[in-house]
Amino acid sequence: TINFKENELEISVKDKGIGISEEDQQHLFKRFFRG
């Protein structure tokens, strides 16, 4: 989903996949991290 707002662009990507645990979400943006 793309939403054009006044001064920003919003992009949403949703899936029905395996999901990410709450604990793993804290580390998602670390280099080489895999859930």
Full PDB file with SEQRES, HELIX, SHEET, SSBOND, CRYST1, ORIGX, SCALE, CONECT and MASTER records, all heavy atoms in Angstrom:
SEQRES   1 A   35  THR ILE ASN PHE LYS GLU ASN GLU LEU GLU ILE SER VAL          
SEQRES   2 A   35  LYS ASP LYS GLY ILE GLY ILE SER GLU GLU ASP GLN GLN          
SEQRES   3 A   35  HIS LEU PHE LYS ARG PHE PHE ARG GLY                          
HELIX    1 AA1 GLU A   22  GLN A   25  1                                   4    
SHEET    1 AA1 2 ILE A   2  PHE A   4  0                                        
SHEET    2 AA1 2 LEU A   9  ILE A  11 -1                                        
CRYST1    1.000    1.000    1.000  90.00  90.00  90.00 P 1           1          
ORIGX1      1.000000  0.000000  0.000000        0.00000                         
ORIGX2      0.000000  1.000000  0.000000        0.00000                         
ORIGX3      0.000000  0.000000  1.000000        0.00000                         
SCALE1      1.000000  0.000000  0.000000        0.00000                         
SCALE2      0.000000  1.000000  0.000000        0.00000                         
SCALE3      0.000000  0.000000  1.000000        0.00000                         
ATOM      1  N   THR A   1       0.844  -1.183   0.000  1.00  0.00           N  
ATOM      2  CA  THR A   1       0.000   0.000   0.000  1.00  0.00           C  
ATOM      3  C   THR A   1       0.885   1.241   0.000  1.00  0.00           C  
ATOM      4  O   THR A   1       1.823   1.332   0.780  1.00  0.00           O  
ATOM      5  CB  THR A   1      -0.917   0.018   1.243  1.00  0.00           C  
ATOM      6  OG1 THR A   1      -1.653  -1.203   1.292  1.00  0.00           O  
ATOM      7  CG2 THR A   1      -1.879   1.190   1.204  1.00  0.00           C  
ATOM      8  N   ILE A   2       0.547   2.174  -0.867  1.00  0.00           N  
ATOM      9  CA  ILE A   2       1.254   3.442  -0.965  1.00  0.00           C  
ATOM     10  C   ILE A   2       0.271   4.543  -0.599  1.00  0.00           C  
ATOM     11  O   ILE A   2      -0.851   4.581  -1.113  1.00  0.00           O  
ATOM     12  CB  ILE A   2       1.773   3.690  -2.409  1.00  0.00           C  
ATOM     13  CG1 ILE A   2       2.582   2.499  -2.919  1.00  0.00           C  
ATOM     14  CG2 ILE A   2       2.561   4.989  -2.491  1.00  0.00           C  
ATOM     15  CD1 ILE A   2       3.791   2.156  -2.125  1.00  0.00           C  
ATOM     16  N   ASN A   3       0.688   5.433   0.302  1.00  0.00           N  
ATOM     17  CA  ASN A   3      -0.169   6.520   0.733  1.00  0.00           C  
ATOM     18  C   ASN A   3       0.606   7.832   0.574  1.00  0.00           C  
ATOM     19  O   ASN A   3       1.642   8.026   1.211  1.00  0.00           O  
ATOM     20  CB  ASN A   3      -0.597   6.314   2.189  1.00  0.00           C  
ATOM     21  CG  ASN A   3      -1.638   7.305   2.645  1.00  0.00           C  
ATOM     22  OD1 ASN A   3      -2.142   8.107   1.869  1.00  0.00           O  
ATOM     23  ND2 ASN A   3      -1.957   7.247   3.925  1.00  0.00           N  
ATOM     24  N   PHE A   4       0.114   8.699  -0.295  1.00  0.00           N  
ATOM     25  CA  PHE A   4       0.732   9.999  -0.525  1.00  0.00           C  
ATOM     26  C   PHE A   4       0.128  10.996   0.456  1.00  0.00           C  
ATOM     27  O   PHE A   4      -1.042  11.334   0.346  1.00  0.00           O  
ATOM     28  CB  PHE A   4       0.484  10.470  -1.958  1.00  0.00           C  
ATOM     29  CG  PHE A   4       1.057   9.552  -2.984  1.00  0.00           C  
ATOM     30  CD1 PHE A   4       0.286   8.534  -3.530  1.00  0.00           C  
ATOM     31  CD2 PHE A   4       2.367   9.682  -3.400  1.00  0.00           C  
ATOM     32  CE1 PHE A   4       0.810   7.674  -4.475  1.00  0.00           C  
ATOM     33  CE2 PHE A   4       2.900   8.826  -4.348  1.00  0.00           C  
ATOM     34  CZ  PHE A   4       2.126   7.825  -4.885  1.00  0.00           C  
ATOM     35  N   LYS A   5       0.920  11.464   1.383  1.00  0.00           N  
ATOM     36  CA  LYS A   5       0.442  12.436   2.364  1.00  0.00           C  
ATOM     37  C   LYS A   5       1.042  13.798   2.044  1.00  0.00           C  
ATOM     38  O   LYS A   5       1.863  13.932   1.142  1.00  0.00           O  
ATOM     39  CB  LYS A   5       0.824  11.981   3.769  1.00  0.00           C  
ATOM     40  CG  LYS A   5       0.087  10.732   4.203  1.00  0.00           C  
ATOM     41  CD  LYS A   5       0.267  10.517   5.659  1.00  0.00           C  
ATOM     42  CE  LYS A   5      -0.788   9.553   6.165  1.00  0.00           C  
ATOM     43  NZ  LYS A   5      -0.734   9.432   7.607  1.00  0.00           N  
ATOM     44  N   GLU A   6       0.656  14.796   2.832  1.00  0.00           N  
ATOM     45  CA  GLU A   6       1.085  16.182   2.595  1.00  0.00           C  
ATOM     46  C   GLU A   6       2.599  16.304   2.409  1.00  0.00           C  
ATOM     47  O   GLU A   6       3.054  16.834   1.415  1.00  0.00           O  
ATOM     48  CB  GLU A   6       0.626  17.066   3.761  1.00  0.00           C  
ATOM     49  CG  GLU A   6       0.992  18.524   3.615  1.00  0.00           C  
ATOM     50  CD  GLU A   6       0.135  19.245   2.593  1.00  0.00           C  
ATOM     51  OE1 GLU A   6      -1.028  18.841   2.398  1.00  0.00           O  
ATOM     52  OE2 GLU A   6       0.631  20.202   1.987  1.00  0.00           O  
ATOM     53  N   ASN A   7       3.366  15.820   3.363  1.00  0.00           N  
ATOM     54  CA  ASN A   7       4.823  15.975   3.295  1.00  0.00           C  
ATOM     55  C   ASN A   7       5.571  14.665   3.478  1.00  0.00           C  
ATOM     56  O   ASN A   7       6.723  14.668   3.922  1.00  0.00           O  
ATOM     57  CB  ASN A   7       5.295  16.981   4.350  1.00  0.00           C  
ATOM     58  CG  ASN A   7       4.820  18.378   4.040  1.00  0.00           C  
ATOM     59  OD1 ASN A   7       4.984  18.855   2.926  1.00  0.00           O  
ATOM     60  ND2 ASN A   7       4.188  19.019   5.008  1.00  0.00           N  
ATOM     61  N   GLU A   8       4.922  13.560   3.156  1.00  0.00           N  
ATOM     62  CA  GLU A   8       5.597  12.278   3.321  1.00  0.00           C  
ATOM     63  C   GLU A   8       4.945  11.196   2.476  1.00  0.00           C  
ATOM     64  O   GLU A   8       3.805  11.322   2.035  1.00  0.00           O  
ATOM     65  CB  GLU A   8       5.631  11.858   4.790  1.00  0.00           C  
ATOM     66  CG  GLU A   8       4.267  11.613   5.396  1.00  0.00           C  
ATOM     67  CD  GLU A   8       4.308  11.407   6.892  1.00  0.00           C  
ATOM     68  OE1 GLU A   8       5.318  11.757   7.541  1.00  0.00           O  
ATOM     69  OE2 GLU A   8       3.317  10.892   7.430  1.00  0.00           O  
ATOM     70  N   LEU A   9       5.722  10.158   2.278  1.00  0.00           N  
ATOM     71  CA  LEU A   9       5.257   8.972   1.574  1.00  0.00           C  
ATOM     72  C   LEU A   9       5.213   7.836   2.577  1.00  0.00           C  
ATOM     73  O   LEU A   9       6.177   7.616   3.323  1.00  0.00           O  
ATOM     74  CB  LEU A   9       6.226   8.618   0.434  1.00  0.00           C  
ATOM     75  CG  LEU A   9       5.933   7.322  -0.323  1.00  0.00           C  
ATOM     76  CD1 LEU A   9       4.637   7.460  -1.122  1.00  0.00           C  
ATOM     77  CD2 LEU A   9       7.097   6.988  -1.250  1.00  0.00           C  
ATOM     78  N   GLU A  10       4.097   7.138   2.622  1.00  0.00           N  
ATOM     79  CA  GLU A  10       3.981   5.943   3.458  1.00  0.00           C  
ATOM     80  C   GLU A  10       3.915   4.727   2.557  1.00  0.00           C  
ATOM     81  O   GLU A  10       3.180   4.719   1.569  1.00  0.00           O  
ATOM     82  CB  GLU A  10       2.710   5.975   4.315  1.00  0.00           C  
ATOM     83  CG  GLU A  10       2.777   6.867   5.497  1.00  0.00           C  
ATOM     84  CD  GLU A  10       1.517   6.758   6.358  1.00  0.00           C  
ATOM     85  OE1 GLU A  10       0.517   6.124   5.943  1.00  0.00           O  
ATOM     86  OE2 GLU A  10       1.542   7.323   7.449  1.00  0.00           O  
ATOM     87  N   ILE A  11       4.694   3.720   2.903  1.00  0.00           N  
ATOM     88  CA  ILE A  11       4.679   2.456   2.189  1.00  0.00           C  
ATOM     89  C   ILE A  11       4.430   1.362   3.221  1.00  0.00           C  
ATOM     90  O   ILE A  11       5.131   1.284   4.230  1.00  0.00           O  
ATOM     91  CB  ILE A  11       6.019   2.175   1.482  1.00  0.00           C  
ATOM     92  CG1 ILE A  11       6.343   3.282   0.483  1.00  0.00           C  
ATOM     93  CG2 ILE A  11       6.000   0.805   0.807  1.00  0.00           C  
ATOM     94  CD1 ILE A  11       7.743   3.187  -0.098  1.00  0.00           C  
ATOM     95  N   SER A  12       3.451   0.535   2.949  1.00  0.00           N  
ATOM     96  CA  SER A  12       3.145  -0.579   3.833  1.00  0.00           C  
ATOM     97  C   SER A  12       3.279  -1.883   3.047  1.00  0.00           C  
ATOM     98  O   SER A  12       2.775  -1.984   1.929  1.00  0.00           O  
ATOM     99  CB  SER A  12       1.722  -0.436   4.371  1.00  0.00           C  
ATOM    100  OG  SER A  12       1.330  -1.609   5.051  1.00  0.00           O  
ATOM    101  N   VAL A  13       3.970  -2.857   3.633  1.00  0.00           N  
ATOM    102  CA  VAL A  13       4.075  -4.189   3.048  1.00  0.00           C  
ATOM    103  C   VAL A  13       3.622  -5.174   4.118  1.00  0.00           C  
ATOM    104  O   VAL A  13       4.214  -5.247   5.201  1.00  0.00           O  
ATOM    105  CB  VAL A  13       5.515  -4.510   2.577  1.00  0.00           C  
ATOM    106  CG1 VAL A  13       5.581  -5.917   2.010  1.00  0.00           C  
ATOM    107  CG2 VAL A  13       5.988  -3.478   1.553  1.00  0.00           C  
ATOM    108  N   LYS A  14       2.545  -5.905   3.820  1.00  0.00           N  
ATOM    109  CA  LYS A  14       1.970  -6.864   4.771  1.00  0.00           C  
ATOM    110  C   LYS A  14       1.960  -8.249   4.152  1.00  0.00           C  
ATOM    111  O   LYS A  14       1.697  -8.407   2.960  1.00  0.00           O  
ATOM    112  CB  LYS A  14       0.536  -6.486   5.122  1.00  0.00           C  
ATOM    113  CG  LYS A  14       0.387  -5.180   5.841  1.00  0.00           C  
ATOM    114  CD  LYS A  14      -1.071  -4.909   6.140  1.00  0.00           C  
ATOM    115  CE  LYS A  14      -1.239  -3.540   6.771  1.00  0.00           C  
ATOM    116  NZ  LYS A  14      -2.650  -3.216   7.009  1.00  0.00           N  
ATOM    117  N   ASP A  15       2.215  -9.232   4.999  1.00  0.00           N  
ATOM    118  CA  ASP A  15       2.159 -10.616   4.539  1.00  0.00           C  
ATOM    119  C   ASP A  15       1.436 -11.473   5.565  1.00  0.00           C  
ATOM    120  O   ASP A  15       1.126 -11.012   6.661  1.00  0.00           O  
ATOM    121  CB  ASP A  15       3.570 -11.150   4.250  1.00  0.00           C  
ATOM    122  CG  ASP A  15       4.438 -11.258   5.490  1.00  0.00           C  
ATOM    123  OD1 ASP A  15       4.033 -11.914   6.468  1.00  0.00           O  
ATOM    124  OD2 ASP A  15       5.553 -10.690   5.485  1.00  0.00           O  
ATOM    125  N   LYS A  16       1.177 -12.710   5.188  1.00  0.00           N  
ATOM    126  CA  LYS A  16       0.527 -13.686   6.072  1.00  0.00           C  
ATOM    127  C   LYS A  16       1.514 -14.817   6.385  1.00  0.00           C  
ATOM    128  O   LYS A  16       1.139 -15.971   6.483  1.00  0.00           O  
ATOM    129  CB  LYS A  16      -0.715 -14.269   5.399  1.00  0.00           C  
ATOM    130  CG  LYS A  16      -1.706 -13.238   4.922  1.00  0.00           C  
ATOM    131  CD  LYS A  16      -2.506 -12.680   6.062  1.00  0.00           C  
ATOM    132  CE  LYS A  16      -3.680 -11.884   5.549  1.00  0.00           C  
ATOM    133  NZ  LYS A  16      -3.643 -10.488   5.830  1.00  0.00           N  
ATOM    134  N   GLY A  17       2.779 -14.445   6.524  1.00  0.00           N  
ATOM    135  CA  GLY A  17       3.846 -15.433   6.660  1.00  0.00           C  
ATOM    136  C   GLY A  17       4.106 -15.921   8.063  1.00  0.00           C  
ATOM    137  O   GLY A  17       3.239 -15.861   8.946  1.00  0.00           O  
ATOM    138  N   ILE A  18       5.335 -16.358   8.267  1.00  0.00           N  
ATOM    139  CA  ILE A  18       5.728 -17.011   9.517  1.00  0.00           C  
ATOM    140  C   ILE A  18       5.838 -16.054  10.693  1.00  0.00           C  
ATOM    141  O   ILE A  18       5.864 -16.467  11.833  1.00  0.00           O  
ATOM    142  CB  ILE A  18       7.058 -17.776   9.351  1.00  0.00           C  
ATOM    143  CG1 ILE A  18       8.204 -16.827   9.001  1.00  0.00           C  
ATOM    144  CG2 ILE A  18       6.913 -18.882   8.322  1.00  0.00           C  
ATOM    145  CD1 ILE A  18       9.574 -17.475   8.967  1.00  0.00           C  
ATOM    146  N   GLY A  19       5.891 -14.756  10.419  1.00  0.00           N  
ATOM    147  CA  GLY A  19       5.944 -13.757  11.478  1.00  0.00           C  
ATOM    148  C   GLY A  19       7.297 -13.693  12.168  1.00  0.00           C  
ATOM    149  O   GLY A  19       8.205 -14.477  11.895  1.00  0.00           O  
ATOM    150  N   ILE A  20       7.400 -12.724  13.053  1.00  0.00           N  
ATOM    151  CA  ILE A  20       8.646 -12.453  13.770  1.00  0.00           C  
ATOM    152  C   ILE A  20       8.314 -12.354  15.247  1.00  0.00           C  
ATOM    153  O   ILE A  20       7.412 -11.599  15.637  1.00  0.00           O  
ATOM    154  CB  ILE A  20       9.271 -11.115  13.294  1.00  0.00           C  
ATOM    155  CG1 ILE A  20       9.426 -11.106  11.771  1.00  0.00           C  
ATOM    156  CG2 ILE A  20      10.604 -10.858  13.978  1.00  0.00           C  
ATOM    157  CD1 ILE A  20       9.582  -9.723  11.177  1.00  0.00           C  
ATOM    158  N   SER A  21       9.045 -13.081  16.067  1.00  0.00           N  
ATOM    159  CA  SER A  21       8.796 -13.029  17.502  1.00  0.00           C  
ATOM    160  C   SER A  21       9.112 -11.634  18.034  1.00  0.00           C  
ATOM    161  O   SER A  21       9.923 -10.895  17.468  1.00  0.00           O  
ATOM    162  CB  SER A  21       9.639 -14.067  18.245  1.00  0.00           C  
ATOM    163  OG  SER A  21      10.998 -13.662  18.267  1.00  0.00           O  
ATOM    164  N   GLU A  22       8.473 -11.284  19.137  1.00  0.00           N  
ATOM    165  CA  GLU A  22       8.709  -9.981  19.756  1.00  0.00           C  
ATOM    166  C   GLU A  22      10.179  -9.826  20.135  1.00  0.00           C  
ATOM    167  O   GLU A  22      10.773  -8.767  19.950  1.00  0.00           O  
ATOM    168  CB  GLU A  22       7.812  -9.828  20.986  1.00  0.00           C  
ATOM    169  CG  GLU A  22       7.658  -8.406  21.446  1.00  0.00           C  
ATOM    170  CD  GLU A  22       6.592  -8.279  22.515  1.00  0.00           C  
ATOM    171  OE1 GLU A  22       5.491  -8.835  22.331  1.00  0.00           O  
ATOM    172  OE2 GLU A  22       6.876  -7.616  23.522  1.00  0.00           O  
ATOM    173  N   GLU A  23      10.769 -10.888  20.628  1.00  0.00           N  
ATOM    174  CA  GLU A  23      12.186 -10.851  21.016  1.00  0.00           C  
ATOM    175  C   GLU A  23      13.090 -10.602  19.799  1.00  0.00           C  
ATOM    176  O   GLU A  23      14.004  -9.788  19.857  1.00  0.00           O  
ATOM    177  CB  GLU A  23      12.582 -12.171  21.687  1.00  0.00           C  
ATOM    178  CG  GLU A  23      13.991 -12.168  22.206  1.00  0.00           C  
ATOM    179  CD  GLU A  23      14.348 -13.471  22.897  1.00  0.00           C  
ATOM    180  OE1 GLU A  23      13.426 -14.207  23.312  1.00  0.00           O  
ATOM    181  OE2 GLU A  23      15.546 -13.762  22.999  1.00  0.00           O  
ATOM    182  N   ASP A  24      12.806 -11.264  18.684  1.00  0.00           N  
ATOM    183  CA  ASP A  24      13.624 -11.079  17.483  1.00  0.00           C  
ATOM    184  C   ASP A  24      13.437  -9.699  16.854  1.00  0.00           C  
ATOM    185  O   ASP A  24      14.363  -9.173  16.235  1.00  0.00           O  
ATOM    186  CB  ASP A  24      13.313 -12.159  16.441  1.00  0.00           C  
ATOM    187  CG  ASP A  24      13.951 -13.497  16.773  1.00  0.00           C  
ATOM    188  OD1 ASP A  24      14.802 -13.553  17.686  1.00  0.00           O  
ATOM    189  OD2 ASP A  24      13.592 -14.487  16.104  1.00  0.00           O  
ATOM    190  N   GLN A  25      12.269  -9.095  17.020  1.00  0.00           N  
ATOM    191  CA  GLN A  25      12.018  -7.785  16.425  1.00  0.00           C  
ATOM    192  C   GLN A  25      13.001  -6.736  16.923  1.00  0.00           C  
ATOM    193  O   GLN A  25      13.352  -5.804  16.194  1.00  0.00           O  
ATOM    194  CB  GLN A  25      10.583  -7.329  16.714  1.00  0.00           C  
ATOM    195  CG  GLN A  25       9.550  -8.101  15.937  1.00  0.00           C  
ATOM    196  CD  GLN A  25       8.144  -7.672  16.262  1.00  0.00           C  
ATOM    197  OE1 GLN A  25       7.871  -6.487  16.409  1.00  0.00           O  
ATOM    198  NE2 GLN A  25       7.235  -8.638  16.371  1.00  0.00           N  
ATOM    199  N   GLN A  26      13.483  -6.891  18.133  1.00  0.00           N  
ATOM    200  CA  GLN A  26      14.431  -5.942  18.706  1.00  0.00           C  
ATOM    201  C   GLN A  26      15.774  -5.945  17.974  1.00  0.00           C  
ATOM    202  O   GLN A  26      16.535  -4.995  18.066  1.00  0.00           O  
ATOM    203  CB  GLN A  26      14.679  -6.261  20.179  1.00  0.00           C  
ATOM    204  CG  GLN A  26      13.443  -6.216  21.034  1.00  0.00           C  
ATOM    205  CD  GLN A  26      13.723  -6.740  22.427  1.00  0.00           C  
ATOM    206  OE1 GLN A  26      14.814  -6.550  22.952  1.00  0.00           O  
ATOM    207  NE2 GLN A  26      12.745  -7.392  23.017  1.00  0.00           N  
ATOM    208  N   HIS A  27      16.064  -7.020  17.245  1.00  0.00           N  
ATOM    209  CA  HIS A  27      17.384  -7.186  16.618  1.00  0.00           C  
ATOM    210  C   HIS A  27      17.337  -7.159  15.090  1.00  0.00           C  
ATOM    211  O   HIS A  27      18.358  -7.332  14.440  1.00  0.00           O  
ATOM    212  CB  HIS A  27      17.987  -8.519  17.067  1.00  0.00           C  
ATOM    213  CG  HIS A  27      18.031  -8.683  18.551  1.00  0.00           C  
ATOM    214  ND1 HIS A  27      18.907  -7.996  19.352  1.00  0.00           N  
ATOM    215  CD2 HIS A  27      17.265  -9.441  19.377  1.00  0.00           C  
ATOM    216  CE1 HIS A  27      18.697  -8.330  20.616  1.00  0.00           C  
ATOM    217  NE2 HIS A  27      17.715  -9.199  20.661  1.00  0.00           N  
ATOM    218  N   LEU A  28      16.164  -6.946  14.520  1.00  0.00           N  
ATOM    219  CA  LEU A  28      15.987  -7.089  13.074  1.00  0.00           C  
ATOM    220  C   LEU A  28      16.932  -6.249  12.228  1.00  0.00           C  
ATOM    221  O   LEU A  28      17.278  -6.641  11.126  1.00  0.00           O  
ATOM    222  CB  LEU A  28      14.552  -6.725  12.680  1.00  0.00           C  
ATOM    223  CG  LEU A  28      13.502  -7.783  12.864  1.00  0.00           C  
ATOM    224  CD1 LEU A  28      12.165  -7.265  12.370  1.00  0.00           C  
ATOM    225  CD2 LEU A  28      13.865  -9.073  12.171  1.00  0.00           C  
ATOM    226  N   PHE A  29      17.333  -5.098  12.703  1.00  0.00           N  
ATOM    227  CA  PHE A  29      18.122  -4.190  11.877  1.00  0.00           C  
ATOM    228  C   PHE A  29      19.620  -4.285  12.148  1.00  0.00           C  
ATOM    229  O   PHE A  29      20.399  -3.503  11.620  1.00  0.00           O  
ATOM    230  CB  PHE A  29      17.610  -2.761  12.037  1.00  0.00           C  
ATOM    231  CG  PHE A  29      16.186  -2.650  11.586  1.00  0.00           C  
ATOM    232  CD1 PHE A  29      15.143  -2.725  12.495  1.00  0.00           C  
ATOM    233  CD2 PHE A  29      15.882  -2.538  10.244  1.00  0.00           C  
ATOM    234  CE1 PHE A  29      13.825  -2.664  12.075  1.00  0.00           C  
ATOM    235  CE2 PHE A  29      14.570  -2.480   9.805  1.00  0.00           C  
ATOM    236  CZ  PHE A  29      13.545  -2.548  10.726  1.00  0.00           C  
ATOM    237  N   LYS A  30      20.008  -5.288  12.928  1.00  0.00           N  
ATOM    238  CA  LYS A  30      21.430  -5.534  13.164  1.00  0.00           C  
ATOM    239  C   LYS A  30      22.004  -6.337  12.004  1.00  0.00           C  
ATOM    240  O   LYS A  30      21.328  -7.203  11.438  1.00  0.00           O  
ATOM    241  CB  LYS A  30      21.641  -6.294  14.476  1.00  0.00           C  
ATOM    242  CG  LYS A  30      21.283  -5.478  15.689  1.00  0.00           C  
ATOM    243  CD  LYS A  30      21.526  -6.255  16.961  1.00  0.00           C  
ATOM    244  CE  LYS A  30      21.123  -5.417  18.167  1.00  0.00           C  
ATOM    245  NZ  LYS A  30      21.217  -6.187  19.405  1.00  0.00           N  
ATOM    246  N   ARG A  31      23.239  -6.045  11.688  1.00  0.00           N  
ATOM    247  CA  ARG A  31      23.910  -6.737  10.588  1.00  0.00           C  
ATOM    248  C   ARG A  31      23.978  -8.240  10.860  1.00  0.00           C  
ATOM    249  O   ARG A  31      24.321  -8.674  11.956  1.00  0.00           O  
ATOM    250  CB  ARG A  31      25.326  -6.175  10.449  1.00  0.00           C  
ATOM    251  CG  ARG A  31      26.082  -6.756   9.307  1.00  0.00           C  
ATOM    252  CD  ARG A  31      27.505  -6.344   9.307  1.00  0.00           C  
ATOM    253  NE  ARG A  31      27.668  -4.975   9.727  1.00  0.00           N  
ATOM    254  CZ  ARG A  31      28.728  -4.257   9.456  1.00  0.00           C  
ATOM    255  NH1 ARG A  31      29.714  -4.778   8.802  1.00  0.00           N  
ATOM    256  NH2 ARG A  31      28.822  -3.026   9.879  1.00  0.00           N  
ATOM    257  N   PHE A  32      23.634  -9.031   9.871  1.00  0.00           N  
ATOM    258  CA  PHE A  32      23.674 -10.494   9.871  1.00  0.00           C  
ATOM    259  C   PHE A  32      22.678 -11.152  10.821  1.00  0.00           C  
ATOM    260  O   PHE A  32      22.734 -12.352  11.035  1.00  0.00           O  
ATOM    261  CB  PHE A  32      25.083 -11.024  10.163  1.00  0.00           C  
ATOM    262  CG  PHE A  32      26.112 -10.581   9.178  1.00  0.00           C  
ATOM    263  CD1 PHE A  32      27.179  -9.782   9.582  1.00  0.00           C  
ATOM    264  CD2 PHE A  32      26.014 -10.923   7.847  1.00  0.00           C  
ATOM    265  CE1 PHE A  32      28.132  -9.360   8.676  1.00  0.00           C  
ATOM    266  CE2 PHE A  32      26.965 -10.506   6.924  1.00  0.00           C  
ATOM    267  CZ  PHE A  32      28.017  -9.717   7.343  1.00  0.00           C  
ATOM    268  N   PHE A  33      21.742 -10.376  11.387  1.00  0.00           N  
ATOM    269  CA  PHE A  33      20.771 -10.991  12.284  1.00  0.00           C  
ATOM    270  C   PHE A  33      19.727 -11.741  11.479  1.00  0.00           C  
ATOM    271  O   PHE A  33      19.195 -11.249  10.492  1.00  0.00           O  
ATOM    272  CB  PHE A  33      20.064  -9.958  13.171  1.00  0.00           C  
ATOM    273  CG  PHE A  33      19.034 -10.594  14.053  1.00  0.00           C  
ATOM    274  CD1 PHE A  33      19.416 -11.252  15.200  1.00  0.00           C  
ATOM    275  CD2 PHE A  33      17.696 -10.593  13.702  1.00  0.00           C  
ATOM    276  CE1 PHE A  33      18.480 -11.890  16.002  1.00  0.00           C  
ATOM    277  CE2 PHE A  33      16.744 -11.217  14.493  1.00  0.00           C  
ATOM    278  CZ  PHE A  33      17.143 -11.867  15.644  1.00  0.00           C  
ATOM    279  N   ARG A  34      19.443 -12.966  11.936  1.00  0.00           N  
ATOM    280  CA  ARG A  34      18.369 -13.764  11.352  1.00  0.00           C  
ATOM    281  C   ARG A  34      17.526 -14.311  12.494  1.00  0.00           C  
ATOM    282  O   ARG A  34      18.045 -14.778  13.496  1.00  0.00           O  
ATOM    283  CB  ARG A  34      18.946 -14.924  10.538  1.00  0.00           C  
ATOM    284  CG  ARG A  34      19.879 -14.385   9.449  1.00  0.00           C  
ATOM    285  CD  ARG A  34      19.911 -15.145   8.178  1.00  0.00           C  
ATOM    286  NE  ARG A  34      18.603 -15.366   7.608  1.00  0.00           N  
ATOM    287  CZ  ARG A  34      18.228 -16.516   7.059  1.00  0.00           C  
ATOM    288  NH1 ARG A  34      19.062 -17.530   6.970  1.00  0.00           N  
ATOM    289  NH2 ARG A  34      17.024 -16.659   6.562  1.00  0.00           N  
ATOM    290  N   GLY A  35      16.225 -14.245  12.333  1.00  0.00           N  
ATOM    291  CA  GLY A  35      15.320 -14.739  13.356  1.00  0.00           C  
ATOM    292  C   GLY A  35      15.487 -16.233  13.577  1.00  0.00           C  
ATOM    293  O   GLY A  35      15.918 -16.975  12.697  1.00  0.00           O  
TER     294      GLY A  35                                                      
MASTER        0    0    0    1    2    0    0    6  293    1    0    3          
END                                                                             
